[in-house]
Amino acid sequence: MDPRLYAHLERTESFNLFFCFRWLLIWFKREFGWDDIMRLWEVLWTDHLNREFHLFVALAILDKHRNVIMDHLTQFDEILKYINDLAQNIDLEETLQCAEILHVQFRRRVEAVEKRRKELDEELSKRAVWTNEEKRRNVEEEKARLPIISEGLRELMGVDETGKGKTVENGLRRRGTKDEVVGRTQDA
C-alpha cells in the first residue's frame, strides 16, 4: 500500500515489522485505554469488512506516523522506541476511520488489477490479436506485469475465491457512538 514507507523500512532494517509485533499479538491492548480497547475489540470481533481488519488498523497507525518515521527515524531501534512511545496516545476514532478508508482503497486496487487481467484475457481470446504478433506480445507483456492476487490478498479484501464477501452500502460508515451506523453490510 505504501512502497515509499516500505523502502524506508528496508533501509532501516525494519521491514520485518517487529515493532508491530505486540500490536498484533495482543490486538493493541497496550496502545489504548480500557474503553477504547473494548470498542476496538468489538469492531475487530464483528468482522465487519474482513477477519483481518486488525492489519488495516496497524497500517492506519503507520500511515498516520509515516512522515515522522520517514523523515526523522533512520535506525531500527529509533523506530521501535517511537512506536512503543505511541502507547496510550493514539486516537481510536481517527485510526478506525483511516483503517476503513485504507481497506476500501486496497480493495479497489485489487479489483482494478483483476478487472484489467480479465480485459487482457478477453483481448487475448480475440482472433485479431492472435494474428498480430506484436499486439499479442504487448498484451501478454502487460498481463505479465500485473501483480498476482493471492488467496491471502483476497482474504484481506474480505472476499473468497468466488469474489463473494461483505460489501458496504452507502459509502463509508460514520463513526460516533457504538449505535451510530449509516452503512449496512450485506453478503455480495
N, C-alpha and C. Protein backbone atom coordinates (compact mmCIF):
# COMPACT_ATOMS: atom_id res chain seq x y z
N MET A 1 0.82 -1.20 0.00
CA MET A 1 0.00 0.00 0.00
C MET A 1 0.86 1.26 0.00
N ASP A 2 2.05 1.20 0.56
CA ASP A 2 2.91 2.38 0.66
C ASP A 2 4.35 1.99 0.34
N PRO A 3 4.69 1.92 -0.95
CA PRO A 3 6.04 1.48 -1.35
C PRO A 3 7.16 2.35 -0.78
N ARG A 4 6.94 3.65 -0.66
CA ARG A 4 7.99 4.52 -0.12
C ARG A 4 8.27 4.21 1.35
N LEU A 5 7.22 4.01 2.13
CA LEU A 5 7.42 3.65 3.53
C LEU A 5 8.11 2.29 3.63
N TYR A 6 7.68 1.35 2.82
CA TYR A 6 8.31 0.02 2.84
C TYR A 6 9.79 0.12 2.49
N ALA A 7 10.14 0.93 1.48
CA ALA A 7 11.55 1.10 1.11
C ALA A 7 12.34 1.69 2.28
N HIS A 8 11.74 2.64 2.99
CA HIS A 8 12.41 3.23 4.15
C HIS A 8 12.61 2.16 5.24
N LEU A 9 11.60 1.36 5.47
CA LEU A 9 11.72 0.30 6.47
C LEU A 9 12.79 -0.72 6.07
N GLU A 10 12.93 -0.98 4.78
CA GLU A 10 14.01 -1.86 4.32
C GLU A 10 15.37 -1.24 4.62
N ARG A 11 15.52 0.06 4.33
CA ARG A 11 16.80 0.75 4.57
C ARG A 11 17.17 0.75 6.05
N THR A 12 16.18 0.81 6.91
CA THR A 12 16.44 0.86 8.36
C THR A 12 16.40 -0.52 9.00
N GLU A 13 16.37 -1.55 8.16
CA GLU A 13 16.32 -2.94 8.63
C GLU A 13 15.11 -3.19 9.54
N SER A 14 14.00 -2.54 9.19
CA SER A 14 12.77 -2.66 9.98
C SER A 14 11.64 -3.29 9.18
N PHE A 15 11.94 -3.80 7.98
CA PHE A 15 10.90 -4.30 7.10
C PHE A 15 10.21 -5.56 7.62
N ASN A 16 10.78 -6.20 8.66
CA ASN A 16 10.10 -7.35 9.27
C ASN A 16 8.95 -6.91 10.18
N LEU A 17 8.82 -5.60 10.38
CA LEU A 17 7.74 -5.00 11.17
C LEU A 17 7.71 -5.51 12.61
N PHE A 18 8.87 -5.82 13.14
CA PHE A 18 8.97 -6.30 14.52
C PHE A 18 8.33 -5.33 15.50
N PHE A 19 8.40 -4.04 15.20
CA PHE A 19 7.83 -3.02 16.08
C PHE A 19 6.31 -3.11 16.14
N CYS A 20 5.68 -3.85 15.23
CA CYS A 20 4.22 -4.06 15.24
C CYS A 20 3.84 -5.35 15.97
N PHE A 21 4.81 -6.11 16.39
CA PHE A 21 4.56 -7.45 16.94
C PHE A 21 3.56 -7.42 18.09
N ARG A 22 3.78 -6.54 19.06
CA ARG A 22 2.87 -6.55 20.21
C ARG A 22 1.48 -6.07 19.83
N TRP A 23 1.38 -5.18 18.83
CA TRP A 23 0.06 -4.77 18.35
C TRP A 23 -0.74 -5.99 17.94
N LEU A 24 -0.11 -6.82 17.14
CA LEU A 24 -0.81 -7.96 16.55
C LEU A 24 -0.96 -9.12 17.53
N LEU A 25 0.00 -9.26 18.41
CA LEU A 25 -0.04 -10.36 19.38
C LEU A 25 -1.21 -10.21 20.36
N ILE A 26 -1.40 -9.00 20.85
CA ILE A 26 -2.47 -8.77 21.84
C ILE A 26 -3.51 -7.76 21.35
N TRP A 27 -3.61 -7.62 20.04
CA TRP A 27 -4.61 -6.78 19.40
C TRP A 27 -4.69 -5.39 20.03
N PHE A 28 -3.54 -4.74 20.14
CA PHE A 28 -3.44 -3.33 20.53
C PHE A 28 -3.80 -3.05 21.99
N LYS A 29 -3.82 -4.06 22.82
CA LYS A 29 -4.26 -3.91 24.22
C LYS A 29 -3.50 -2.82 24.96
N ARG A 30 -2.20 -2.70 24.71
CA ARG A 30 -1.39 -1.70 25.43
C ARG A 30 -1.42 -0.33 24.78
N GLU A 31 -2.01 -0.24 23.62
CA GLU A 31 -1.96 1.02 22.86
C GLU A 31 -3.09 1.98 23.22
N PHE A 32 -4.18 1.45 23.79
CA PHE A 32 -5.37 2.26 24.05
C PHE A 32 -5.83 2.09 25.49
N GLY A 33 -6.59 3.06 25.97
CA GLY A 33 -7.22 2.96 27.28
C GLY A 33 -8.30 1.89 27.26
N TRP A 34 -8.83 1.57 28.45
CA TRP A 34 -9.78 0.47 28.60
C TRP A 34 -11.02 0.63 27.71
N ASP A 35 -11.67 1.79 27.75
CA ASP A 35 -12.89 1.98 26.95
C ASP A 35 -12.59 1.87 25.46
N ASP A 36 -11.48 2.47 25.05
CA ASP A 36 -11.12 2.41 23.63
C ASP A 36 -10.77 0.99 23.19
N ILE A 37 -10.07 0.25 24.03
CA ILE A 37 -9.70 -1.11 23.63
C ILE A 37 -10.93 -2.00 23.55
N MET A 38 -11.90 -1.78 24.44
CA MET A 38 -13.15 -2.55 24.36
C MET A 38 -13.88 -2.23 23.05
N ARG A 39 -13.90 -0.96 22.69
CA ARG A 39 -14.54 -0.55 21.43
C ARG A 39 -13.80 -1.13 20.24
N LEU A 40 -12.47 -1.06 20.25
CA LEU A 40 -11.68 -1.60 19.14
C LEU A 40 -11.91 -3.11 19.01
N TRP A 41 -11.84 -3.81 20.12
CA TRP A 41 -12.05 -5.26 20.05
C TRP A 41 -13.44 -5.60 19.54
N GLU A 42 -14.43 -4.81 19.94
CA GLU A 42 -15.78 -5.05 19.43
C GLU A 42 -15.81 -4.89 17.91
N VAL A 43 -15.16 -3.85 17.41
CA VAL A 43 -15.08 -3.64 15.96
C VAL A 43 -14.38 -4.82 15.29
N LEU A 44 -13.26 -5.25 15.86
CA LEU A 44 -12.50 -6.35 15.25
C LEU A 44 -13.27 -7.66 15.30
N TRP A 45 -13.97 -7.92 16.39
CA TRP A 45 -14.70 -9.18 16.53
C TRP A 45 -15.90 -9.28 15.59
N THR A 46 -16.42 -8.15 15.14
CA THR A 46 -17.58 -8.20 14.24
C THR A 46 -17.22 -8.68 12.85
N ASP A 47 -15.94 -8.63 12.49
CA ASP A 47 -15.50 -8.99 11.13
C ASP A 47 -16.30 -8.20 10.09
N HIS A 48 -16.56 -6.93 10.38
CA HIS A 48 -17.40 -6.11 9.51
C HIS A 48 -16.90 -6.09 8.07
N LEU A 49 -15.66 -5.71 7.86
CA LEU A 49 -15.13 -5.68 6.50
C LEU A 49 -14.37 -6.96 6.16
N ASN A 50 -13.67 -7.50 7.13
CA ASN A 50 -12.99 -8.79 6.96
C ASN A 50 -12.42 -9.25 8.29
N ARG A 51 -11.95 -10.49 8.29
CA ARG A 51 -11.40 -11.07 9.52
C ARG A 51 -10.02 -10.50 9.84
N GLU A 52 -9.39 -9.86 8.91
CA GLU A 52 -8.02 -9.36 9.09
C GLU A 52 -7.98 -7.85 9.26
N PHE A 53 -9.05 -7.26 9.73
CA PHE A 53 -9.13 -5.80 9.82
C PHE A 53 -8.07 -5.24 10.76
N HIS A 54 -7.59 -6.03 11.72
CA HIS A 54 -6.54 -5.56 12.63
C HIS A 54 -5.29 -5.15 11.85
N LEU A 55 -5.05 -5.77 10.69
CA LEU A 55 -3.90 -5.38 9.88
C LEU A 55 -4.08 -3.98 9.29
N PHE A 56 -5.31 -3.63 8.96
CA PHE A 56 -5.58 -2.29 8.46
C PHE A 56 -5.51 -1.26 9.59
N VAL A 57 -5.84 -1.67 10.80
CA VAL A 57 -5.67 -0.78 11.96
C VAL A 57 -4.18 -0.49 12.14
N ALA A 58 -3.35 -1.52 12.06
CA ALA A 58 -1.90 -1.32 12.17
C ALA A 58 -1.40 -0.42 11.04
N LEU A 59 -1.87 -0.66 9.83
CA LEU A 59 -1.47 0.17 8.69
C LEU A 59 -1.91 1.62 8.90
N ALA A 60 -3.08 1.82 9.46
CA ALA A 60 -3.58 3.18 9.72
C ALA A 60 -2.67 3.91 10.71
N ILE A 61 -2.21 3.21 11.73
CA ILE A 61 -1.30 3.84 12.70
C ILE A 61 0.01 4.20 12.02
N LEU A 62 0.54 3.28 11.22
CA LEU A 62 1.78 3.58 10.50
C LEU A 62 1.58 4.72 9.51
N ASP A 63 0.44 4.73 8.84
CA ASP A 63 0.14 5.79 7.88
C ASP A 63 0.10 7.15 8.56
N LYS A 64 -0.51 7.20 9.72
CA LYS A 64 -0.60 8.46 10.48
C LYS A 64 0.78 8.99 10.86
N HIS A 65 1.72 8.08 11.11
CA HIS A 65 3.05 8.47 11.59
C HIS A 65 4.15 8.29 10.54
N ARG A 66 3.76 8.05 9.30
CA ARG A 66 4.74 7.75 8.25
C ARG A 66 5.73 8.89 8.01
N ASN A 67 5.28 10.14 8.06
CA ASN A 67 6.20 11.25 7.81
C ASN A 67 7.28 11.34 8.87
N VAL A 68 6.91 11.17 10.13
CA VAL A 68 7.91 11.18 11.20
C VAL A 68 8.87 10.01 11.01
N ILE A 69 8.32 8.84 10.74
CA ILE A 69 9.16 7.65 10.55
C ILE A 69 10.13 7.86 9.39
N MET A 70 9.64 8.37 8.28
CA MET A 70 10.48 8.51 7.10
C MET A 70 11.45 9.68 7.19
N ASP A 71 11.05 10.77 7.83
CA ASP A 71 11.88 11.98 7.85
C ASP A 71 12.88 12.01 9.00
N HIS A 72 12.59 11.33 10.10
CA HIS A 72 13.42 11.51 11.29
C HIS A 72 13.99 10.23 11.89
N LEU A 73 13.46 9.09 11.54
CA LEU A 73 13.90 7.84 12.17
C LEU A 73 14.69 7.01 11.16
N THR A 74 15.97 6.83 11.45
CA THR A 74 16.86 6.18 10.48
C THR A 74 17.41 4.84 10.95
N GLN A 75 17.07 4.42 12.14
CA GLN A 75 17.57 3.16 12.68
C GLN A 75 16.39 2.35 13.22
N PHE A 76 16.56 1.04 13.23
CA PHE A 76 15.52 0.15 13.74
C PHE A 76 15.13 0.51 15.17
N ASP A 77 16.13 0.72 16.03
CA ASP A 77 15.82 0.99 17.44
C ASP A 77 15.08 2.30 17.62
N GLU A 78 15.33 3.29 16.76
CA GLU A 78 14.59 4.55 16.83
C GLU A 78 13.12 4.33 16.47
N ILE A 79 12.89 3.54 15.44
CA ILE A 79 11.51 3.24 15.04
C ILE A 79 10.79 2.46 16.13
N LEU A 80 11.46 1.47 16.68
CA LEU A 80 10.87 0.66 17.76
C LEU A 80 10.50 1.54 18.95
N LYS A 81 11.40 2.41 19.37
CA LYS A 81 11.13 3.29 20.51
C LYS A 81 9.96 4.23 20.19
N TYR A 82 9.99 4.82 19.01
CA TYR A 82 8.92 5.74 18.62
C TYR A 82 7.56 5.04 18.65
N ILE A 83 7.48 3.86 18.05
CA ILE A 83 6.21 3.13 18.01
C ILE A 83 5.76 2.74 19.42
N ASN A 84 6.69 2.28 20.24
CA ASN A 84 6.34 1.92 21.62
C ASN A 84 5.85 3.13 22.41
N ASP A 85 6.42 4.30 22.13
CA ASP A 85 6.01 5.52 22.83
C ASP A 85 4.64 6.03 22.40
N LEU A 86 4.09 5.47 21.33
CA LEU A 86 2.74 5.86 20.90
C LEU A 86 1.66 5.33 21.84
N ALA A 87 1.99 4.34 22.65
CA ALA A 87 1.01 3.71 23.53
C ALA A 87 0.25 4.76 24.33
N GLN A 88 -1.06 4.61 24.37
CA GLN A 88 -1.98 5.50 25.08
C GLN A 88 -2.07 6.90 24.46
N ASN A 89 -1.48 7.09 23.28
CA ASN A 89 -1.52 8.39 22.60
C ASN A 89 -2.09 8.28 21.19
N ILE A 90 -2.82 7.23 20.90
CA ILE A 90 -3.38 7.02 19.57
C ILE A 90 -4.88 7.30 19.64
N ASP A 91 -5.36 8.13 18.72
CA ASP A 91 -6.79 8.46 18.65
C ASP A 91 -7.52 7.30 17.96
N LEU A 92 -8.37 6.61 18.69
CA LEU A 92 -9.04 5.43 18.16
C LEU A 92 -9.97 5.76 17.01
N GLU A 93 -10.80 6.77 17.16
CA GLU A 93 -11.77 7.10 16.11
C GLU A 93 -11.07 7.43 14.80
N GLU A 94 -10.05 8.26 14.88
CA GLU A 94 -9.29 8.63 13.68
C GLU A 94 -8.64 7.39 13.07
N THR A 95 -8.11 6.52 13.91
CA THR A 95 -7.46 5.30 13.44
C THR A 95 -8.46 4.37 12.75
N LEU A 96 -9.64 4.20 13.33
CA LEU A 96 -10.66 3.34 12.72
C LEU A 96 -11.13 3.90 11.38
N GLN A 97 -11.32 5.21 11.32
CA GLN A 97 -11.73 5.82 10.06
C GLN A 97 -10.67 5.62 8.99
N CYS A 98 -9.42 5.85 9.35
CA CYS A 98 -8.32 5.67 8.41
C CYS A 98 -8.21 4.21 7.98
N ALA A 99 -8.35 3.29 8.92
CA ALA A 99 -8.27 1.86 8.60
C ALA A 99 -9.36 1.46 7.60
N GLU A 100 -10.54 1.99 7.79
CA GLU A 100 -11.63 1.67 6.88
C GLU A 100 -11.36 2.24 5.49
N ILE A 101 -10.86 3.46 5.43
CA ILE A 101 -10.51 4.06 4.14
C ILE A 101 -9.41 3.26 3.46
N LEU A 102 -8.39 2.88 4.21
CA LEU A 102 -7.30 2.07 3.65
C LEU A 102 -7.81 0.73 3.13
N HIS A 103 -8.76 0.13 3.85
CA HIS A 103 -9.34 -1.13 3.38
C HIS A 103 -10.06 -0.92 2.05
N VAL A 104 -10.83 0.14 1.95
CA VAL A 104 -11.56 0.42 0.70
C VAL A 104 -10.57 0.69 -0.43
N GLN A 105 -9.53 1.47 -0.17
CA GLN A 105 -8.51 1.73 -1.20
C GLN A 105 -7.84 0.43 -1.65
N PHE A 106 -7.49 -0.40 -0.69
CA PHE A 106 -6.85 -1.68 -1.01
C PHE A 106 -7.76 -2.53 -1.88
N ARG A 107 -9.00 -2.61 -1.46
CA ARG A 107 -9.97 -3.43 -2.22
C ARG A 107 -10.13 -2.91 -3.64
N ARG A 108 -10.21 -1.60 -3.79
CA ARG A 108 -10.36 -1.02 -5.14
C ARG A 108 -9.14 -1.30 -6.00
N ARG A 109 -7.95 -1.22 -5.41
CA ARG A 109 -6.74 -1.52 -6.18
C ARG A 109 -6.73 -2.96 -6.66
N VAL A 110 -7.06 -3.88 -5.78
CA VAL A 110 -7.08 -5.29 -6.15
C VAL A 110 -8.15 -5.54 -7.21
N GLU A 111 -9.31 -4.95 -7.04
CA GLU A 111 -10.38 -5.11 -8.03
C GLU A 111 -9.97 -4.55 -9.38
N ALA A 112 -9.24 -3.42 -9.39
CA ALA A 112 -8.78 -2.84 -10.65
C ALA A 112 -7.79 -3.77 -11.36
N VAL A 113 -6.91 -4.39 -10.60
CA VAL A 113 -5.96 -5.34 -11.19
C VAL A 113 -6.71 -6.53 -11.78
N GLU A 114 -7.66 -7.06 -11.03
CA GLU A 114 -8.42 -8.21 -11.52
C GLU A 114 -9.25 -7.85 -12.75
N LYS A 115 -9.82 -6.66 -12.76
CA LYS A 115 -10.60 -6.22 -13.92
C LYS A 115 -9.70 -6.11 -15.15
N ARG A 116 -8.52 -5.52 -14.97
CA ARG A 116 -7.59 -5.37 -16.10
C ARG A 116 -7.12 -6.73 -16.60
N ARG A 117 -6.85 -7.66 -15.69
CA ARG A 117 -6.43 -9.00 -16.10
C ARG A 117 -7.54 -9.67 -16.93
N LYS A 118 -8.79 -9.50 -16.52
CA LYS A 118 -9.91 -10.07 -17.27
C LYS A 118 -10.01 -9.44 -18.65
N GLU A 119 -9.85 -8.11 -18.73
CA GLU A 119 -9.88 -7.43 -20.02
C GLU A 119 -8.78 -7.94 -20.94
N LEU A 120 -7.59 -8.13 -20.40
CA LEU A 120 -6.47 -8.63 -21.21
C LEU A 120 -6.72 -10.07 -21.66
N ASP A 121 -7.31 -10.89 -20.79
CA ASP A 121 -7.65 -12.26 -21.18
C ASP A 121 -8.66 -12.25 -22.32
N GLU A 122 -9.65 -11.37 -22.24
CA GLU A 122 -10.63 -11.25 -23.32
C GLU A 122 -9.97 -10.78 -24.60
N GLU A 123 -9.04 -9.85 -24.48
CA GLU A 123 -8.31 -9.34 -25.64
C GLU A 123 -7.51 -10.47 -26.29
N LEU A 124 -6.87 -11.29 -25.46
CA LEU A 124 -6.08 -12.41 -25.99
C LEU A 124 -6.94 -13.46 -26.66
N SER A 125 -8.20 -13.54 -26.29
CA SER A 125 -9.08 -14.54 -26.89
C SER A 125 -9.58 -14.13 -28.27
N LYS A 126 -9.37 -12.89 -28.66
CA LYS A 126 -9.81 -12.41 -29.97
C LYS A 126 -8.84 -12.88 -31.06
N ARG A 127 -9.40 -13.31 -32.14
CA ARG A 127 -8.59 -13.82 -33.25
C ARG A 127 -7.68 -12.73 -33.82
N ALA A 128 -8.17 -11.49 -33.87
CA ALA A 128 -7.38 -10.40 -34.44
C ALA A 128 -6.07 -10.19 -33.67
N VAL A 129 -6.10 -10.44 -32.38
CA VAL A 129 -4.88 -10.29 -31.58
C VAL A 129 -3.91 -11.43 -31.88
N TRP A 130 -4.44 -12.64 -32.07
CA TRP A 130 -3.56 -13.78 -32.33
C TRP A 130 -2.90 -13.70 -33.70
N THR A 131 -3.52 -13.01 -34.64
CA THR A 131 -2.90 -12.88 -35.96
C THR A 131 -1.91 -11.73 -36.01
N ASN A 132 -1.94 -10.84 -35.02
CA ASN A 132 -0.99 -9.73 -34.96
C ASN A 132 0.01 -10.02 -33.83
N GLU A 133 1.18 -10.51 -34.21
CA GLU A 133 2.16 -10.96 -33.22
C GLU A 133 2.59 -9.85 -32.27
N GLU A 134 2.79 -8.65 -32.78
CA GLU A 134 3.23 -7.53 -31.93
C GLU A 134 2.16 -7.17 -30.90
N LYS A 135 0.92 -7.10 -31.36
CA LYS A 135 -0.17 -6.77 -30.44
C LYS A 135 -0.32 -7.86 -29.38
N ARG A 136 -0.24 -9.13 -29.80
CA ARG A 136 -0.35 -10.24 -28.85
C ARG A 136 0.76 -10.16 -27.81
N ARG A 137 1.98 -9.90 -28.26
CA ARG A 137 3.12 -9.80 -27.34
C ARG A 137 2.92 -8.65 -26.35
N ASN A 138 2.43 -7.50 -26.84
CA ASN A 138 2.18 -6.35 -25.95
C ASN A 138 1.13 -6.68 -24.89
N VAL A 139 0.07 -7.36 -25.28
CA VAL A 139 -0.98 -7.73 -24.33
C VAL A 139 -0.43 -8.73 -23.32
N GLU A 140 0.33 -9.72 -23.79
CA GLU A 140 0.92 -10.71 -22.88
C GLU A 140 1.91 -10.07 -21.91
N GLU A 141 2.70 -9.10 -22.40
CA GLU A 141 3.66 -8.41 -21.53
C GLU A 141 2.94 -7.59 -20.46
N GLU A 142 1.87 -6.89 -20.87
CA GLU A 142 1.11 -6.11 -19.88
C GLU A 142 0.50 -7.04 -18.84
N LYS A 143 -0.03 -8.15 -19.27
CA LYS A 143 -0.62 -9.10 -18.34
C LYS A 143 0.43 -9.65 -17.38
N ALA A 144 1.63 -9.90 -17.87
CA ALA A 144 2.71 -10.42 -17.02
C ALA A 144 3.16 -9.39 -15.98
N ARG A 145 3.01 -8.11 -16.29
CA ARG A 145 3.41 -7.05 -15.34
C ARG A 145 2.40 -6.84 -14.22
N LEU A 146 1.19 -7.31 -14.41
CA LEU A 146 0.16 -7.14 -13.37
C LEU A 146 0.53 -7.94 -12.13
N PRO A 147 0.28 -7.38 -10.96
CA PRO A 147 0.54 -8.15 -9.73
C PRO A 147 -0.37 -9.37 -9.65
N ILE A 148 0.12 -10.41 -9.02
CA ILE A 148 -0.67 -11.63 -8.81
C ILE A 148 -1.50 -11.44 -7.54
N ILE A 149 -2.77 -11.73 -7.62
CA ILE A 149 -3.66 -11.60 -6.47
C ILE A 149 -3.76 -12.98 -5.81
N SER A 150 -3.09 -13.12 -4.69
CA SER A 150 -3.06 -14.40 -3.97
C SER A 150 -4.32 -14.57 -3.12
N GLU A 151 -4.49 -15.77 -2.60
CA GLU A 151 -5.62 -16.02 -1.69
C GLU A 151 -5.49 -15.16 -0.43
N GLY A 152 -4.25 -14.93 0.02
CA GLY A 152 -4.03 -14.07 1.19
C GLY A 152 -4.53 -12.66 0.94
N LEU A 153 -4.28 -12.13 -0.27
CA LEU A 153 -4.78 -10.80 -0.60
C LEU A 153 -6.30 -10.79 -0.69
N ARG A 154 -6.86 -11.86 -1.21
CA ARG A 154 -8.33 -11.95 -1.25
C ARG A 154 -8.91 -11.94 0.16
N GLU A 155 -8.26 -12.63 1.08
CA GLU A 155 -8.72 -12.62 2.47
C GLU A 155 -8.67 -11.21 3.05
N LEU A 156 -7.62 -10.45 2.71
CA LEU A 156 -7.54 -9.07 3.19
C LEU A 156 -8.66 -8.21 2.62
N MET A 157 -9.12 -8.56 1.43
CA MET A 157 -10.23 -7.83 0.82
C MET A 157 -11.54 -8.18 1.50
N GLY A 158 -11.59 -9.33 2.15
CA GLY A 158 -12.83 -9.78 2.75
C GLY A 158 -13.70 -10.55 1.79
N VAL A 159 -13.06 -11.18 0.77
CA VAL A 159 -13.82 -11.99 -0.18
C VAL A 159 -13.17 -13.36 -0.30
N ASP A 160 -13.96 -14.31 -0.81
CA ASP A 160 -13.42 -15.64 -1.06
C ASP A 160 -13.00 -15.75 -2.52
N GLU A 161 -12.62 -16.95 -2.94
CA GLU A 161 -12.13 -17.15 -4.31
C GLU A 161 -13.19 -16.89 -5.36
N THR A 162 -14.46 -16.89 -5.01
CA THR A 162 -15.53 -16.61 -5.97
C THR A 162 -15.80 -15.12 -6.07
N GLY A 163 -15.14 -14.34 -5.21
CA GLY A 163 -15.37 -12.90 -5.22
C GLY A 163 -16.51 -12.48 -4.32
N LYS A 164 -17.09 -13.42 -3.57
CA LYS A 164 -18.20 -13.07 -2.69
C LYS A 164 -17.70 -12.74 -1.31
N GLY A 165 -18.34 -11.79 -0.71
CA GLY A 165 -17.97 -11.39 0.64
C GLY A 165 -18.86 -10.25 1.08
N LYS A 166 -18.38 -9.49 2.03
CA LYS A 166 -19.16 -8.39 2.56
C LYS A 166 -18.86 -7.12 1.79
N THR A 167 -19.90 -6.34 1.55
CA THR A 167 -19.74 -5.04 0.92
C THR A 167 -20.37 -4.00 1.83
N VAL A 168 -20.01 -2.76 1.64
CA VAL A 168 -20.58 -1.67 2.42
C VAL A 168 -21.43 -0.84 1.49
N GLU A 169 -22.72 -0.70 1.82
CA GLU A 169 -23.61 0.14 1.04
C GLU A 169 -23.52 1.57 1.58
N ASN A 170 -23.89 2.51 0.75
CA ASN A 170 -23.96 3.92 1.15
C ASN A 170 -22.60 4.47 1.55
N GLY A 171 -21.54 3.96 1.00
CA GLY A 171 -20.21 4.50 1.31
C GLY A 171 -19.70 4.07 2.66
N LEU A 172 -18.79 4.85 3.20
CA LEU A 172 -18.18 4.53 4.48
C LEU A 172 -19.15 4.80 5.62
N ARG A 173 -19.01 4.01 6.67
CA ARG A 173 -19.81 4.24 7.87
C ARG A 173 -19.28 5.47 8.58
N ARG A 174 -20.18 6.22 9.17
CA ARG A 174 -19.75 7.30 10.06
C ARG A 174 -19.56 6.71 11.43
N ARG A 175 -18.55 7.15 12.12
CA ARG A 175 -18.29 6.61 13.45
C ARG A 175 -18.60 7.68 14.48
N GLY A 176 -19.25 7.29 15.50
CA GLY A 176 -19.57 8.17 16.61
C GLY A 176 -19.81 7.30 17.81
N THR A 177 -21.07 7.14 18.13
CA THR A 177 -21.40 6.23 19.22
C THR A 177 -21.41 4.81 18.68
N LYS A 178 -21.45 3.85 19.56
CA LYS A 178 -21.46 2.45 19.16
C LYS A 178 -22.69 2.12 18.31
N ASP A 179 -23.79 2.83 18.53
CA ASP A 179 -25.03 2.53 17.83
C ASP A 179 -25.19 3.28 16.52
N GLU A 180 -24.29 4.19 16.20
CA GLU A 180 -24.46 5.02 15.01
C GLU A 180 -23.81 4.36 13.81
N VAL A 181 -24.62 3.74 12.96
CA VAL A 181 -24.12 3.10 11.76
C VAL A 181 -24.97 3.58 10.59
N VAL A 182 -24.32 4.17 9.60
CA VAL A 182 -25.04 4.66 8.43
C VAL A 182 -25.08 3.59 7.35
N GLY A 183 -23.94 2.98 7.05
CA GLY A 183 -23.89 1.94 6.02
C GLY A 183 -24.38 0.62 6.57
N ARG A 184 -24.92 -0.20 5.68
CA ARG A 184 -25.36 -1.54 6.07
C ARG A 184 -24.48 -2.53 5.35
N THR A 185 -24.19 -3.65 5.98
CA THR A 185 -23.43 -4.69 5.29
C THR A 185 -24.38 -5.76 4.80
N GLN A 186 -23.98 -6.40 3.74
CA GLN A 186 -24.76 -7.50 3.21
C GLN A 186 -23.81 -8.44 2.50
N ASP A 187 -24.24 -9.67 2.31
CA ASP A 187 -23.44 -10.60 1.52
C ASP A 187 -23.56 -10.20 0.07
N ALA A 188 -22.40 -10.15 -0.61
CA ALA A 188 -22.39 -9.73 -2.02
C ALA A 188 -22.85 -10.86 -2.91
